[in-house]
Amino acid sequence: MNEYREKTLPVTDFYHTRGILACIDAGREAGLVFNDLSQLITE
């Protein structure tokens, strides 16, 4: 977890503060996740 906090969390904070971080619930049906991702890419 230390590695995550040191390396990954700062990256997500960077994008979040700029309003360009998208969060998708990947625990749903694959087709729904795919549709969400596809919509984000085409925006």
N, C-alpha and C. Protein backbone atom coordinates (compact mmCIF):
# COMPACT_ATOMS: atom_id res chain seq x y z
N MET A 1 0.81 -1.20 0.00
CA MET A 1 0.00 0.00 0.00
C MET A 1 0.86 1.26 0.00
N ASN A 2 2.03 1.19 0.56
CA ASN A 2 2.90 2.37 0.55
C ASN A 2 3.25 2.80 -0.86
N GLU A 3 3.53 1.82 -1.70
CA GLU A 3 3.85 2.12 -3.10
C GLU A 3 2.69 2.82 -3.80
N TYR A 4 1.49 2.33 -3.54
CA TYR A 4 0.29 2.96 -4.12
C TYR A 4 0.17 4.40 -3.65
N ARG A 5 0.27 4.61 -2.35
CA ARG A 5 0.13 5.97 -1.80
C ARG A 5 1.19 6.91 -2.34
N GLU A 6 2.39 6.41 -2.53
CA GLU A 6 3.50 7.25 -2.97
C GLU A 6 3.48 7.54 -4.47
N LYS A 7 3.02 6.58 -5.27
CA LYS A 7 3.16 6.72 -6.72
C LYS A 7 1.84 6.90 -7.47
N THR A 8 0.83 6.15 -7.11
CA THR A 8 -0.43 6.19 -7.85
C THR A 8 -1.36 7.28 -7.37
N LEU A 9 -1.52 7.41 -6.08
CA LEU A 9 -2.45 8.40 -5.53
C LEU A 9 -2.13 9.82 -5.99
N PRO A 10 -0.87 10.25 -6.01
CA PRO A 10 -0.59 11.60 -6.50
C PRO A 10 -1.02 11.81 -7.96
N VAL A 11 -0.95 10.78 -8.77
CA VAL A 11 -1.35 10.89 -10.17
C VAL A 11 -2.86 11.08 -10.27
N THR A 12 -3.61 10.30 -9.51
CA THR A 12 -5.06 10.44 -9.55
C THR A 12 -5.49 11.79 -9.00
N ASP A 13 -4.82 12.27 -7.96
CA ASP A 13 -5.13 13.60 -7.42
C ASP A 13 -4.86 14.68 -8.46
N PHE A 14 -3.77 14.55 -9.19
CA PHE A 14 -3.40 15.51 -10.23
C PHE A 14 -4.53 15.66 -11.25
N TYR A 15 -5.02 14.54 -11.76
CA TYR A 15 -6.08 14.58 -12.77
C TYR A 15 -7.42 14.99 -12.17
N HIS A 16 -7.68 14.56 -10.94
CA HIS A 16 -8.95 14.91 -10.28
C HIS A 16 -9.07 16.42 -10.07
N THR A 17 -8.02 17.05 -9.62
CA THR A 17 -8.07 18.49 -9.36
C THR A 17 -8.26 19.29 -10.64
N ARG A 18 -7.93 18.70 -11.78
CA ARG A 18 -8.12 19.38 -13.07
C ARG A 18 -9.44 19.02 -13.72
N GLY A 19 -10.21 18.17 -13.06
CA GLY A 19 -11.53 17.79 -13.57
C GLY A 19 -11.49 16.85 -14.75
N ILE A 20 -10.40 16.12 -14.91
CA ILE A 20 -10.28 15.23 -16.07
C ILE A 20 -10.07 13.77 -15.66
N LEU A 21 -10.50 13.41 -14.47
CA LEU A 21 -10.43 12.03 -14.01
C LEU A 21 -11.82 11.43 -14.08
N ALA A 22 -11.94 10.32 -14.74
CA ALA A 22 -13.22 9.63 -14.83
C ALA A 22 -13.16 8.37 -13.98
N CYS A 23 -14.19 8.13 -13.22
CA CYS A 23 -14.29 6.92 -12.40
C CYS A 23 -15.41 6.06 -12.95
N ILE A 24 -15.09 4.80 -13.16
CA ILE A 24 -16.05 3.85 -13.69
C ILE A 24 -16.10 2.65 -12.77
N ASP A 25 -17.30 2.20 -12.45
CA ASP A 25 -17.49 1.02 -11.63
C ASP A 25 -17.25 -0.21 -12.49
N ALA A 26 -16.08 -0.80 -12.38
CA ALA A 26 -15.73 -1.95 -13.20
C ALA A 26 -16.29 -3.26 -12.64
N GLY A 27 -17.03 -3.18 -11.56
CA GLY A 27 -17.62 -4.37 -10.98
C GLY A 27 -18.97 -4.73 -11.58
N ARG A 28 -19.39 -3.97 -12.57
CA ARG A 28 -20.68 -4.23 -13.23
C ARG A 28 -20.49 -5.16 -14.42
N GLU A 29 -21.57 -5.44 -15.09
CA GLU A 29 -21.54 -6.28 -16.30
C GLU A 29 -20.58 -5.65 -17.32
N ALA A 30 -19.83 -6.50 -18.00
CA ALA A 30 -18.81 -6.04 -18.94
C ALA A 30 -19.38 -5.10 -20.00
N GLY A 31 -20.54 -5.37 -20.50
CA GLY A 31 -21.14 -4.53 -21.53
C GLY A 31 -21.42 -3.12 -21.04
N LEU A 32 -21.83 -2.99 -19.79
CA LEU A 32 -22.08 -1.67 -19.22
C LEU A 32 -20.78 -0.88 -19.04
N VAL A 33 -19.76 -1.58 -18.57
CA VAL A 33 -18.45 -0.94 -18.41
C VAL A 33 -17.93 -0.50 -19.77
N PHE A 34 -18.04 -1.35 -20.76
CA PHE A 34 -17.60 -1.01 -22.12
C PHE A 34 -18.34 0.22 -22.64
N ASN A 35 -19.65 0.27 -22.43
CA ASN A 35 -20.43 1.42 -22.89
C ASN A 35 -19.97 2.70 -22.22
N ASP A 36 -19.71 2.65 -20.93
CA ASP A 36 -19.22 3.83 -20.21
C ASP A 36 -17.88 4.29 -20.76
N LEU A 37 -16.97 3.34 -20.96
CA LEU A 37 -15.65 3.68 -21.50
C LEU A 37 -15.76 4.26 -22.91
N SER A 38 -16.58 3.64 -23.73
CA SER A 38 -16.76 4.11 -25.10
C SER A 38 -17.30 5.55 -25.11
N GLN A 39 -18.23 5.82 -24.23
CA GLN A 39 -18.81 7.17 -24.15
C GLN A 39 -17.75 8.18 -23.73
N LEU A 40 -16.91 7.83 -22.78
CA LEU A 40 -15.86 8.74 -22.34
C LEU A 40 -14.86 9.04 -23.46
N ILE A 41 -14.53 8.03 -24.21
CA ILE A 41 -13.53 8.19 -25.28
C ILE A 41 -14.06 9.09 -26.40
N THR A 42 -15.34 9.02 -26.66
CA THR A 42 -15.90 9.80 -27.77
C THR A 42 -16.32 11.21 -27.37
N GLU A 43 -16.24 11.54 -26.10
CA GLU A 43 -16.63 12.90 -25.66
C GLU A 43 -15.59 13.92 -26.07
